[in-house]
């Protein structure tokens, strides 16, 4: 090959290889850019938050840690859980962070007047309340709370099996339960029958255990809304009398019952208007003296 041909080929291939190099570089850049896009953080919607309040100024249940653990477990992927015994958490600004407040076996006078006012305001403006077991042995001198929780504790017999009749099978806290639910727990008797001022979800059959005290109509779980309890305003209240034993918080059906109640109180589960499906009877006599031991 003469010098002229070599010069021609040399001059031709240099530009061609330059173009190829640029194209390859562009491909690498585009791949790098795509990697950066793929690695970019994905925006996620934060889960609702639930506050579990466990302060006790009287009897303290050994099952409280089990209850907190259970709420965290059933809430996984559904809501975040904060647990506290500090009444300072009850400011309106802080409570507004939560979809619902759970009183888990609280006892006695757990909030002072300013904290009570913050909680009342939170509930009336649409906040949620879920009371478990000794939540009914709490704040006897606070009328708003008494209306919200539905009834106050009076006493109980020894822990034993009993049968529960489910009245409302449409509620998120009961729809998974059998018509007649047999389980073991510490069965509360209340100062009076709340029927007529709450929407009853379940009743205890006193013929199936020893030491009842409310007769043929013994509500053991219910809800409070403006339809039944005008003082709660836009709020929602749910209460269950179960949850004394540590074993309760490892029972699949009790966990589902509790989950449904918390979700409903938080406005995260639908249910019919209780005014449409309520099955009520006349209220019983005025409150009687309470027992000092929950």
C-alpha atoms as a PDB file:
ATOM      1  CA  UNK A   1       0.000   0.000   0.000  1.00  0.00           C
ATOM      2  CA  UNK A   2       1.498   3.343  -1.024  1.00  0.00           C
ATOM      3  CA  UNK A   3       1.785   6.319   1.247  1.00  0.00           C
ATOM      4  CA  UNK A   4      -1.257   8.069  -0.251  1.00  0.00           C
ATOM      5  CA  UNK A   5      -3.579   5.160   0.561  1.00  0.00           C
ATOM      6  CA  UNK A   6      -2.228   4.839   4.101  1.00  0.00           C
ATOM      7  CA  UNK A   7      -2.853   8.534   4.678  1.00  0.00           C
ATOM      8  CA  UNK A   8      -6.406   8.233   3.353  1.00  0.00           C
ATOM      9  CA  UNK A   9      -7.291   5.293   5.563  1.00  0.00           C
ATOM     10  CA  UNK A  10      -5.721   6.885   8.600  1.00  0.00           C
ATOM     11  CA  UNK A  11      -7.713  10.061   8.065  1.00  0.00           C
ATOM     12  CA  UNK A  12     -10.958   8.130   7.546  1.00  0.00           C
ATOM     13  CA  UNK A  13     -10.815   5.795  10.576  1.00  0.00           C
ATOM     14  CA  UNK A  14      -9.854   8.397  13.179  1.00  0.00           C
ATOM     15  CA  UNK A  15     -13.158  10.329  12.830  1.00  0.00           C
ATOM     16  CA  UNK A  16     -15.165   7.076  12.747  1.00  0.00           C
ATOM     17  CA  UNK A  17     -13.622   5.797  15.988  1.00  0.00           C
ATOM     18  CA  UNK A  18     -14.215   9.200  17.528  1.00  0.00           C
ATOM     19  CA  UNK A  19     -17.922   9.006  16.751  1.00  0.00           C
ATOM     20  CA  UNK A  20     -18.148   5.466  18.177  1.00  0.00           C
ATOM     21  CA  UNK A  21     -16.378   6.548  21.360  1.00  0.00           C
ATOM     22  CA  UNK A  22     -18.767   9.449  21.833  1.00  0.00           C
ATOM     23  CA  UNK A  23     -21.770   7.158  21.321  1.00  0.00           C
ATOM     24  CA  UNK A  24     -20.448   4.652  23.840  1.00  0.00           C
ATOM     25  CA  UNK A  25     -19.760   7.381  26.343  1.00  0.00           C
ATOM     26  CA  UNK A  26     -23.311   8.663  25.908  1.00  0.00           C
ATOM     27  CA  UNK A  27     -24.648   5.189  26.578  1.00  0.00           C
ATOM     28  CA  UNK A  28     -22.633   4.983  29.783  1.00  0.00           C
ATOM     29  CA  UNK A  29     -23.875   8.371  30.879  1.00  0.00           C
ATOM     30  CA  UNK A  30     -27.492   7.428  30.196  1.00  0.00           C
ATOM     31  CA  UNK A  31     -27.039   4.181  32.169  1.00  0.00           C
ATOM     32  CA  UNK A  32     -25.501   6.111  35.048  1.00  0.00           C
ATOM     33  CA  UNK A  33     -28.346   8.610  34.984  1.00  0.00           C
ATOM     34  CA  UNK A  34     -30.897   5.756  35.029  1.00  0.00           C
ATOM     35  CA  UNK A  35     -29.121   4.160  37.985  1.00  0.00           C
ATOM     36  CA  UNK A  36     -29.406   7.430  39.875  1.00  0.00           C
ATOM     37  CA  UNK A  37     -33.129   7.590  39.085  1.00  0.00           C
ATOM     38  CA  UNK A  38     -33.668   3.980  40.188  1.00  0.00           C
ATOM     39  CA  UNK A  39     -31.782   4.587  43.434  1.00  0.00           C
ATOM     40  CA  UNK A  40     -33.765   7.732  44.273  1.00  0.00           C
ATOM     41  CA  UNK A  41     -35.874   7.346  47.461  1.00  0.00           C
ATOM     42  CA  UNK A  42     -39.547   6.535  46.859  1.00  0.00           C
ATOM     43  CA  UNK A  43     -42.039   8.805  48.582  1.00  0.00           C
ATOM     44  CA  UNK A  44     -44.199   6.838  51.089  1.00  0.00           C
ATOM     45  CA  UNK A  45     -47.288   7.819  53.030  1.00  0.00           C
ATOM     46  CA  UNK A  46     -46.565   7.661  56.789  1.00  0.00           C
ATOM     47  CA  UNK A  47     -48.682   5.252  58.813  1.00  0.00           C
ATOM     48  CA  UNK A  48     -51.197   6.638  61.330  1.00  0.00           C
ATOM     49  CA  UNK A  49     -49.983   6.726  64.938  1.00  0.00           C
ATOM     50  CA  UNK A  50     -51.639   5.257  68.036  1.00  0.00           C
ATOM     51  CA  UNK A  51     -50.776   6.293  71.595  1.00  0.00           C
ATOM     52  CA  UNK A  52     -51.024   3.580  74.268  1.00  0.00           C
ATOM     53  CA  UNK A  53     -51.425   5.112  77.734  1.00  0.00           C
ATOM     54  CA  UNK A  54     -50.689   2.821  80.700  1.00  0.00           C
ATOM     55  CA  UNK A  55     -50.429   5.024  83.782  1.00  0.00           C
ATOM     56  CA  UNK A  56     -51.718   3.399  86.970  1.00  0.00           C
ATOM     57  CA  UNK A  57     -52.532   5.204  90.209  1.00  0.00           C
ATOM     58  CA  UNK A  58     -54.130   2.139  91.784  1.00  0.00           C
ATOM     59  CA  UNK A  59     -53.883  -1.564  91.011  1.00  0.00           C
ATOM     60  CA  UNK A  60     -51.329  -2.360  88.304  1.00  0.00           C
ATOM     61  CA  UNK A  61     -51.919  -5.266  85.951  1.00  0.00           C
ATOM     62  CA  UNK A  62     -48.961  -7.529  85.259  1.00  0.00           C
ATOM     63  CA  UNK A  63     -50.292  -7.992  81.726  1.00  0.00           C
ATOM     64  CA  UNK A  64     -49.648  -4.376  80.673  1.00  0.00           C
ATOM     65  CA  UNK A  65     -46.307  -5.124  78.938  1.00  0.00           C
ATOM     66  CA  UNK A  66     -47.987  -8.018  77.110  1.00  0.00           C
ATOM     67  CA  UNK A  67     -50.763  -5.678  76.017  1.00  0.00           C
ATOM     68  CA  UNK A  68     -48.323  -3.090  74.666  1.00  0.00           C
ATOM     69  CA  UNK A  69     -46.442  -5.810  72.783  1.00  0.00           C
ATOM     70  CA  UNK A  70     -49.712  -7.123  71.336  1.00  0.00           C
ATOM     71  CA  UNK A  71     -50.807  -3.683  70.118  1.00  0.00           C
ATOM     72  CA  UNK A  72     -47.439  -3.241  68.415  1.00  0.00           C
ATOM     73  CA  UNK A  73     -47.723  -6.687  66.840  1.00  0.00           C
ATOM     74  CA  UNK A  74     -51.247  -6.318  65.489  1.00  0.00           C
ATOM     75  CA  UNK A  75     -50.500  -2.787  64.318  1.00  0.00           C
ATOM     76  CA  UNK A  76     -47.509  -3.770  62.183  1.00  0.00           C
ATOM     77  CA  UNK A  77     -48.027  -2.377  58.702  1.00  0.00           C
ATOM     78  CA  UNK A  78     -51.247  -0.661  59.820  1.00  0.00           C
ATOM     79  CA  UNK A  79     -50.195   1.940  62.376  1.00  0.00           C
ATOM     80  CA  UNK A  80     -47.217   3.037  64.441  1.00  0.00           C
ATOM     81  CA  UNK A  81     -47.409   2.718  68.231  1.00  0.00           C
ATOM     82  CA  UNK A  82     -46.067   4.969  70.975  1.00  0.00           C
ATOM     83  CA  UNK A  83     -46.509   3.848  74.589  1.00  0.00           C
ATOM     84  CA  UNK A  84     -46.275   6.123  77.616  1.00  0.00           C
ATOM     85  CA  UNK A  85     -47.197   6.496  81.265  1.00  0.00           C
ATOM     86  CA  UNK A  86     -46.398  10.200  81.223  1.00  0.00           C
ATOM     87  CA  UNK A  87     -49.461  12.455  81.582  1.00  0.00           C
ATOM     88  CA  UNK A  88     -47.408  15.286  80.045  1.00  0.00           C
ATOM     89  CA  UNK A  89     -48.118  13.623  76.705  1.00  0.00           C
ATOM     90  CA  UNK A  90     -51.677  14.922  77.021  1.00  0.00           C
ATOM     91  CA  UNK A  91     -51.370  18.299  75.332  1.00  0.00           C
ATOM     92  CA  UNK A  92     -53.633  19.129  72.438  1.00  0.00           C
ATOM     93  CA  UNK A  93     -50.665  19.632  70.125  1.00  0.00           C
ATOM     94  CA  UNK A  94     -49.254  16.202  70.938  1.00  0.00           C
ATOM     95  CA  UNK A  95     -52.575  14.351  70.925  1.00  0.00           C
ATOM     96  CA  UNK A  96     -53.303  15.657  67.442  1.00  0.00           C
ATOM     97  CA  UNK A  97     -50.440  13.464  66.204  1.00  0.00           C
ATOM     98  CA  UNK A  98     -52.509  10.352  66.958  1.00  0.00           C
ATOM     99  CA  UNK A  99     -55.488   8.746  65.268  1.00  0.00           C
ATOM    100  CA  UNK A 100     -56.553   7.195  68.587  1.00  0.00           C
ATOM    101  CA  UNK A 101     -55.543   6.982  72.242  1.00  0.00           C
ATOM    102  CA  UNK A 102     -55.641   3.553  73.920  1.00  0.00           C
ATOM    103  CA  UNK A 103     -56.129   3.425  77.697  1.00  0.00           C
ATOM    104  CA  UNK A 104     -54.637   0.006  78.455  1.00  0.00           C
ATOM    105  CA  UNK A 105     -55.593  -1.074  81.994  1.00  0.00           C
ATOM    106  CA  UNK A 106     -55.086   2.379  83.428  1.00  0.00           C
ATOM    107  CA  UNK A 107     -56.321   2.813  87.015  1.00  0.00           C
ATOM    108  CA  UNK A 108     -57.162   5.730  89.283  1.00  0.00           C
ATOM    109  CA  UNK A 109     -56.929   9.448  88.618  1.00  0.00           C
ATOM    110  CA  UNK A 110     -54.362   9.502  85.825  1.00  0.00           C
ATOM    111  CA  UNK A 111     -54.746  13.058  84.439  1.00  0.00           C
ATOM    112  CA  UNK A 112     -54.953  16.474  86.079  1.00  0.00           C
ATOM    113  CA  UNK A 113     -57.422  19.150  84.966  1.00  0.00           C
ATOM    114  CA  UNK A 114     -55.331  20.708  82.131  1.00  0.00           C
ATOM    115  CA  UNK A 115     -54.584  17.250  80.676  1.00  0.00           C
ATOM    116  CA  UNK A 116     -58.239  16.301  80.937  1.00  0.00           C
ATOM    117  CA  UNK A 117     -59.222  19.436  79.042  1.00  0.00           C
ATOM    118  CA  UNK A 118     -56.751  18.647  76.258  1.00  0.00           C
ATOM    119  CA  UNK A 119     -58.096  15.098  75.953  1.00  0.00           C
ATOM    120  CA  UNK A 120     -61.732  16.248  75.964  1.00  0.00           C
ATOM    121  CA  UNK A 121     -60.997  18.737  73.202  1.00  0.00           C
ATOM    122  CA  UNK A 122     -59.185  16.088  71.176  1.00  0.00           C
ATOM    123  CA  UNK A 123     -62.110  13.649  71.436  1.00  0.00           C
ATOM    124  CA  UNK A 124     -64.849  16.183  70.743  1.00  0.00           C
ATOM    125  CA  UNK A 125     -63.037  17.316  67.605  1.00  0.00           C
ATOM    126  CA  UNK A 126     -62.980  13.798  66.191  1.00  0.00           C
ATOM    127  CA  UNK A 127     -60.266  11.881  68.048  1.00  0.00           C
ATOM    128  CA  UNK A 128     -60.535   8.209  68.927  1.00  0.00           C
ATOM    129  CA  UNK A 129     -60.495   6.351  72.254  1.00  0.00           C
ATOM    130  CA  UNK A 130     -60.065   2.631  72.890  1.00  0.00           C
ATOM    131  CA  UNK A 131     -60.395   1.370  76.457  1.00  0.00           C
ATOM    132  CA  UNK A 132     -59.156  -2.067  77.478  1.00  0.00           C
ATOM    133  CA  UNK A 133     -60.129  -3.827  80.726  1.00  0.00           C
ATOM    134  CA  UNK A 134     -59.201  -1.540  83.675  1.00  0.00           C
ATOM    135  CA  UNK A 135     -59.798   1.567  81.584  1.00  0.00           C
ATOM    136  CA  UNK A 136     -63.170   1.236  83.342  1.00  0.00           C
ATOM    137  CA  UNK A 137     -61.375   1.531  86.713  1.00  0.00           C
ATOM    138  CA  UNK A 138     -60.100   4.990  85.845  1.00  0.00           C
ATOM    139  CA  UNK A 139     -61.053   8.623  86.505  1.00  0.00           C
ATOM    140  CA  UNK A 140     -64.185   8.142  88.629  1.00  0.00           C
ATOM    141  CA  UNK A 141     -64.380  11.896  89.304  1.00  0.00           C
ATOM    142  CA  UNK A 142     -64.242  12.914  85.624  1.00  0.00           C
ATOM    143  CA  UNK A 143     -67.770  12.963  84.117  1.00  0.00           C
ATOM    144  CA  UNK A 144     -66.613  13.321  80.508  1.00  0.00           C
ATOM    145  CA  UNK A 145     -64.422  10.246  80.804  1.00  0.00           C
ATOM    146  CA  UNK A 146     -67.216   8.319  82.491  1.00  0.00           C
ATOM    147  CA  UNK A 147     -69.480   8.994  79.518  1.00  0.00           C
ATOM    148  CA  UNK A 148     -66.724   8.125  77.039  1.00  0.00           C
ATOM    149  CA  UNK A 149     -65.677   4.822  78.647  1.00  0.00           C
ATOM    150  CA  UNK A 150     -69.343   3.942  79.158  1.00  0.00           C
ATOM    151  CA  UNK A 151     -69.368   2.345  82.624  1.00  0.00           C
ATOM    152  CA  UNK A 152     -67.245   2.129  85.756  1.00  0.00           C
ATOM    153  CA  UNK A 153     -65.832  -1.002  87.366  1.00  0.00           C
ATOM    154  CA  UNK A 154     -67.561  -2.426  90.435  1.00  0.00           C
ATOM    155  CA  UNK A 155     -65.957  -5.797  91.052  1.00  0.00           C
ATOM    156  CA  UNK A 156     -65.075  -9.228  89.666  1.00  0.00           C
ATOM    157  CA  UNK A 157     -64.959 -12.909  90.639  1.00  0.00           C
ATOM    158  CA  UNK A 158     -61.967 -15.203  90.130  1.00  0.00           C
ATOM    159  CA  UNK A 159     -60.539 -15.728  86.655  1.00  0.00           C
ATOM    160  CA  UNK A 160     -62.593 -18.420  84.923  1.00  0.00           C
ATOM    161  CA  UNK A 161     -64.134 -19.460  81.593  1.00  0.00           C
ATOM    162  CA  UNK A 162     -67.378 -17.833  80.459  1.00  0.00           C
ATOM    163  CA  UNK A 163     -69.521 -17.517  77.351  1.00  0.00           C
ATOM    164  CA  UNK A 164     -69.929 -14.222  75.498  1.00  0.00           C
ATOM    165  CA  UNK A 165     -72.877 -13.570  73.189  1.00  0.00           C
ATOM    166  CA  UNK A 166     -72.068 -11.306  70.249  1.00  0.00           C
ATOM    167  CA  UNK A 167     -74.950  -8.884  69.661  1.00  0.00           C
ATOM    168  CA  UNK A 168     -73.538  -6.789  66.842  1.00  0.00           C
ATOM    169  CA  UNK A 169     -71.774  -8.905  64.243  1.00  0.00           C
ATOM    170  CA  UNK A 170     -71.205  -6.004  61.848  1.00  0.00           C
ATOM    171  CA  UNK A 171     -68.665  -4.081  63.917  1.00  0.00           C
ATOM    172  CA  UNK A 172     -64.956  -4.394  62.994  1.00  0.00           C
ATOM    173  CA  UNK A 173     -64.181  -5.674  66.506  1.00  0.00           C
ATOM    174  CA  UNK A 174     -66.775  -8.466  66.446  1.00  0.00           C
ATOM    175  CA  UNK A 175     -67.357  -9.515  62.842  1.00  0.00           C
ATOM    176  CA  UNK A 176     -64.660 -12.240  63.076  1.00  0.00           C
ATOM    177  CA  UNK A 177     -66.095 -13.741  66.282  1.00  0.00           C
ATOM    178  CA  UNK A 178     -68.436 -16.709  66.651  1.00  0.00           C
ATOM    179  CA  UNK A 179     -71.992 -16.006  67.776  1.00  0.00           C
ATOM    180  CA  UNK A 180     -71.072 -17.497  71.141  1.00  0.00           C
ATOM    181  CA  UNK A 181     -67.491 -16.886  72.150  1.00  0.00           C
ATOM    182  CA  UNK A 182     -66.059 -19.031  74.943  1.00  0.00           C
ATOM    183  CA  UNK A 183     -62.913 -17.742  76.602  1.00  0.00           C
ATOM    184  CA  UNK A 184     -61.195 -17.339  79.975  1.00  0.00           C
ATOM    185  CA  UNK A 185     -60.600 -13.950  81.606  1.00  0.00           C
ATOM    186  CA  UNK A 186     -61.398 -11.834  84.657  1.00  0.00           C
ATOM    187  CA  UNK A 187     -65.002 -10.789  84.192  1.00  0.00           C
ATOM    188  CA  UNK A 188     -65.894  -7.288  85.326  1.00  0.00           C
ATOM    189  CA  UNK A 189     -69.161  -6.324  86.912  1.00  0.00           C
ATOM    190  CA  UNK A 190     -69.949  -2.644  86.399  1.00  0.00           C
ATOM    191  CA  UNK A 191     -71.560  -0.092  88.687  1.00  0.00           C
ATOM    192  CA  UNK A 192     -74.588  -0.044  86.417  1.00  0.00           C
ATOM    193  CA  UNK A 193     -75.742  -1.311  83.062  1.00  0.00           C
ATOM    194  CA  UNK A 194     -74.541   1.062  80.300  1.00  0.00           C
ATOM    195  CA  UNK A 195     -77.158  -0.069  77.785  1.00  0.00           C
ATOM    196  CA  UNK A 196     -79.141   2.936  76.625  1.00  0.00           C
ATOM    197  CA  UNK A 197     -76.159   5.289  76.674  1.00  0.00           C
ATOM    198  CA  UNK A 198     -73.742   3.085  74.666  1.00  0.00           C
ATOM    199  CA  UNK A 199     -74.049   0.770  71.664  1.00  0.00           C
ATOM    200  CA  UNK A 200     -73.628  -2.759  73.049  1.00  0.00           C
ATOM    201  CA  UNK A 201     -71.472  -5.135  71.011  1.00  0.00           C
ATOM    202  CA  UNK A 202     -71.283  -8.174  73.309  1.00  0.00           C
ATOM    203  CA  UNK A 203     -72.808  -9.456  76.548  1.00  0.00           C
ATOM    204  CA  UNK A 204     -71.701 -12.005  79.140  1.00  0.00           C
ATOM    205  CA  UNK A 205     -73.896 -14.987  79.882  1.00  0.00           C
ATOM    206  CA  UNK A 206     -73.786 -15.036  83.679  1.00  0.00           C
ATOM    207  CA  UNK A 207     -75.193 -18.565  83.744  1.00  0.00           C
ATOM    208  CA  UNK A 208     -71.841 -19.809  82.397  1.00  0.00           C
ATOM    209  CA  UNK A 209     -69.623 -18.589  85.253  1.00  0.00           C
ATOM    210  CA  UNK A 210     -69.700 -17.997  88.994  1.00  0.00           C
ATOM    211  CA  UNK A 211     -69.853 -14.567  90.637  1.00  0.00           C
ATOM    212  CA  UNK A 212     -71.699 -12.350  88.167  1.00  0.00           C
ATOM    213  CA  UNK A 213     -73.809  -9.505  89.445  1.00  0.00           C
ATOM    214  CA  UNK A 214     -75.653  -7.852  86.581  1.00  0.00           C
ATOM    215  CA  UNK A 215     -78.226 -10.514  85.778  1.00  0.00           C
ATOM    216  CA  UNK A 216     -79.543 -11.388  82.351  1.00  0.00           C
ATOM    217  CA  UNK A 217     -78.140  -8.301  80.621  1.00  0.00           C
ATOM    218  CA  UNK A 218     -74.415  -7.936  81.231  1.00  0.00           C
ATOM    219  CA  UNK A 219     -72.701  -5.857  78.488  1.00  0.00           C
ATOM    220  CA  UNK A 220     -68.969  -6.507  78.211  1.00  0.00           C
ATOM    221  CA  UNK A 221     -67.986  -4.546  75.072  1.00  0.00           C
ATOM    222  CA  UNK A 222     -69.506  -1.448  73.468  1.00  0.00           C
ATOM    223  CA  UNK A 223     -68.987   1.800  71.606  1.00  0.00           C
ATOM    224  CA  UNK A 224     -69.761   5.439  72.354  1.00  0.00           C
ATOM    225  CA  UNK A 225     -70.428   7.998  69.631  1.00  0.00           C
ATOM    226  CA  UNK A 226     -72.583  11.104  69.298  1.00  0.00           C
ATOM    227  CA  UNK A 227     -75.468   8.798  68.346  1.00  0.00           C
ATOM    228  CA  UNK A 228     -75.494   7.298  71.847  1.00  0.00           C
ATOM    229  CA  UNK A 229     -73.349   9.681  73.889  1.00  0.00           C
ATOM    230  CA  UNK A 230     -73.708  13.310  72.707  1.00  0.00           C
ATOM    231  CA  UNK A 231     -70.957  14.604  74.988  1.00  0.00           C
ATOM    232  CA  UNK A 232     -68.256  12.906  72.886  1.00  0.00           C
ATOM    233  CA  UNK A 233     -68.993  15.225  69.954  1.00  0.00           C
ATOM    234  CA  UNK A 234     -67.297  13.999  66.786  1.00  0.00           C
ATOM    235  CA  UNK A 235     -65.210  11.444  68.683  1.00  0.00           C
ATOM    236  CA  UNK A 236     -65.397   7.675  68.869  1.00  0.00           C
ATOM    237  CA  UNK A 237     -65.069   5.484  71.942  1.00  0.00           C
ATOM    238  CA  UNK A 238     -64.659   1.699  72.091  1.00  0.00           C
ATOM    239  CA  UNK A 239     -64.361  -0.431  75.209  1.00  0.00           C
ATOM    240  CA  UNK A 240     -63.791  -4.114  75.932  1.00  0.00           C
ATOM    241  CA  UNK A 241     -63.858  -5.670  79.383  1.00  0.00           C
ATOM    242  CA  UNK A 242     -61.406  -8.416  78.418  1.00  0.00           C
ATOM    243  CA  UNK A 243     -57.652  -8.230  78.752  1.00  0.00           C
ATOM    244  CA  UNK A 244     -56.805  -8.973  82.376  1.00  0.00           C
ATOM    245  CA  UNK A 245     -54.625 -12.004  81.737  1.00  0.00           C
ATOM    246  CA  UNK A 246     -51.302 -12.166  79.915  1.00  0.00           C
ATOM    247  CA  UNK A 247     -52.718 -15.020  77.887  1.00  0.00           C
ATOM    248  CA  UNK A 248     -55.442 -12.741  76.505  1.00  0.00           C
ATOM    249  CA  UNK A 249     -52.853 -10.880  74.464  1.00  0.00           C
ATOM    250  CA  UNK A 250     -51.732 -14.078  72.756  1.00  0.00           C
ATOM    251  CA  UNK A 251     -55.233 -15.256  71.834  1.00  0.00           C
ATOM    252  CA  UNK A 252     -55.741 -14.805  68.073  1.00  0.00           C
ATOM    253  CA  UNK A 253     -59.441 -13.945  68.403  1.00  0.00           C
ATOM    254  CA  UNK A 254     -58.888 -11.497  71.243  1.00  0.00           C
ATOM    255  CA  UNK A 255     -56.088  -9.866  69.247  1.00  0.00           C
ATOM    256  CA  UNK A 256     -58.444  -9.497  66.273  1.00  0.00           C
ATOM    257  CA  UNK A 257     -61.181  -8.150  68.545  1.00  0.00           C
ATOM    258  CA  UNK A 258     -58.748  -5.589  69.930  1.00  0.00           C
ATOM    259  CA  UNK A 259     -57.387  -4.689  66.481  1.00  0.00           C
ATOM    260  CA  UNK A 260     -60.871  -4.092  65.109  1.00  0.00           C
ATOM    261  CA  UNK A 261     -61.724  -1.850  68.053  1.00  0.00           C
ATOM    262  CA  UNK A 262     -58.569   0.237  67.727  1.00  0.00           C
ATOM    263  CA  UNK A 263     -58.936   0.585  63.949  1.00  0.00           C
ATOM    264  CA  UNK A 264     -62.565   1.626  64.362  1.00  0.00           C
ATOM    265  CA  UNK A 265     -61.752   4.159  67.080  1.00  0.00           C
ATOM    266  CA  UNK A 266     -59.015   5.588  64.847  1.00  0.00           C
ATOM    267  CA  UNK A 267     -61.410   5.953  61.923  1.00  0.00           C
ATOM    268  CA  UNK A 268     -59.486   3.342  59.932  1.00  0.00           C
ATOM    269  CA  UNK A 269     -62.282   0.762  59.689  1.00  0.00           C
ATOM    270  CA  UNK A 270     -65.874   1.175  58.617  1.00  0.00           C
ATOM    271  CA  UNK A 271     -68.964   0.160  60.539  1.00  0.00           C
ATOM    272  CA  UNK A 272     -72.670   0.943  60.338  1.00  0.00           C
ATOM    273  CA  UNK A 273     -74.154   3.864  62.213  1.00  0.00           C
ATOM    274  CA  UNK A 274     -74.796   2.421  65.693  1.00  0.00           C
ATOM    275  CA  UNK A 275     -78.085   4.320  65.825  1.00  0.00           C
ATOM    276  CA  UNK A 276     -79.342   2.105  62.994  1.00  0.00           C
ATOM    277  CA  UNK A 277     -78.315  -1.262  64.427  1.00  0.00           C
ATOM    278  CA  UNK A 278     -78.471  -0.685  68.178  1.00  0.00           C
ATOM    279  CA  UNK A 279     -80.262  -3.298  70.227  1.00  0.00           C
ATOM    280  CA  UNK A 280     -81.034  -1.564  73.466  1.00  0.00           C
ATOM    281  CA  UNK A 281     -83.170  -2.034  76.555  1.00  0.00           C
ATOM    282  CA  UNK A 282     -84.051   0.299  79.392  1.00  0.00           C
ATOM    283  CA  UNK A 283     -81.274   1.456  81.718  1.00  0.00           C
ATOM    284  CA  UNK A 284     -80.922  -0.198  85.092  1.00  0.00           C
ATOM    285  CA  UNK A 285     -80.753   1.348  88.563  1.00  0.00           C
ATOM    286  CA  UNK A 286     -78.375   4.116  89.636  1.00  0.00           C
ATOM    287  CA  UNK A 287     -74.661   3.304  90.311  1.00  0.00           C
ATOM    288  CA  UNK A 288     -73.805   1.192  93.322  1.00  0.00           C
ATOM    289  CA  UNK A 289     -70.645   1.284  95.443  1.00  0.00           C
ATOM    290  CA  UNK A 290     -67.494   0.134  93.641  1.00  0.00           C
ATOM    291  CA  UNK A 291     -65.078  -2.522  94.819  1.00  0.00           C
ATOM    292  CA  UNK A 292     -61.563  -1.274  95.623  1.00  0.00           C
ATOM    293  CA  UNK A 293     -59.737  -4.137  93.845  1.00  0.00           C
ATOM    294  CA  UNK A 294     -59.876  -4.337  90.019  1.00  0.00           C
END
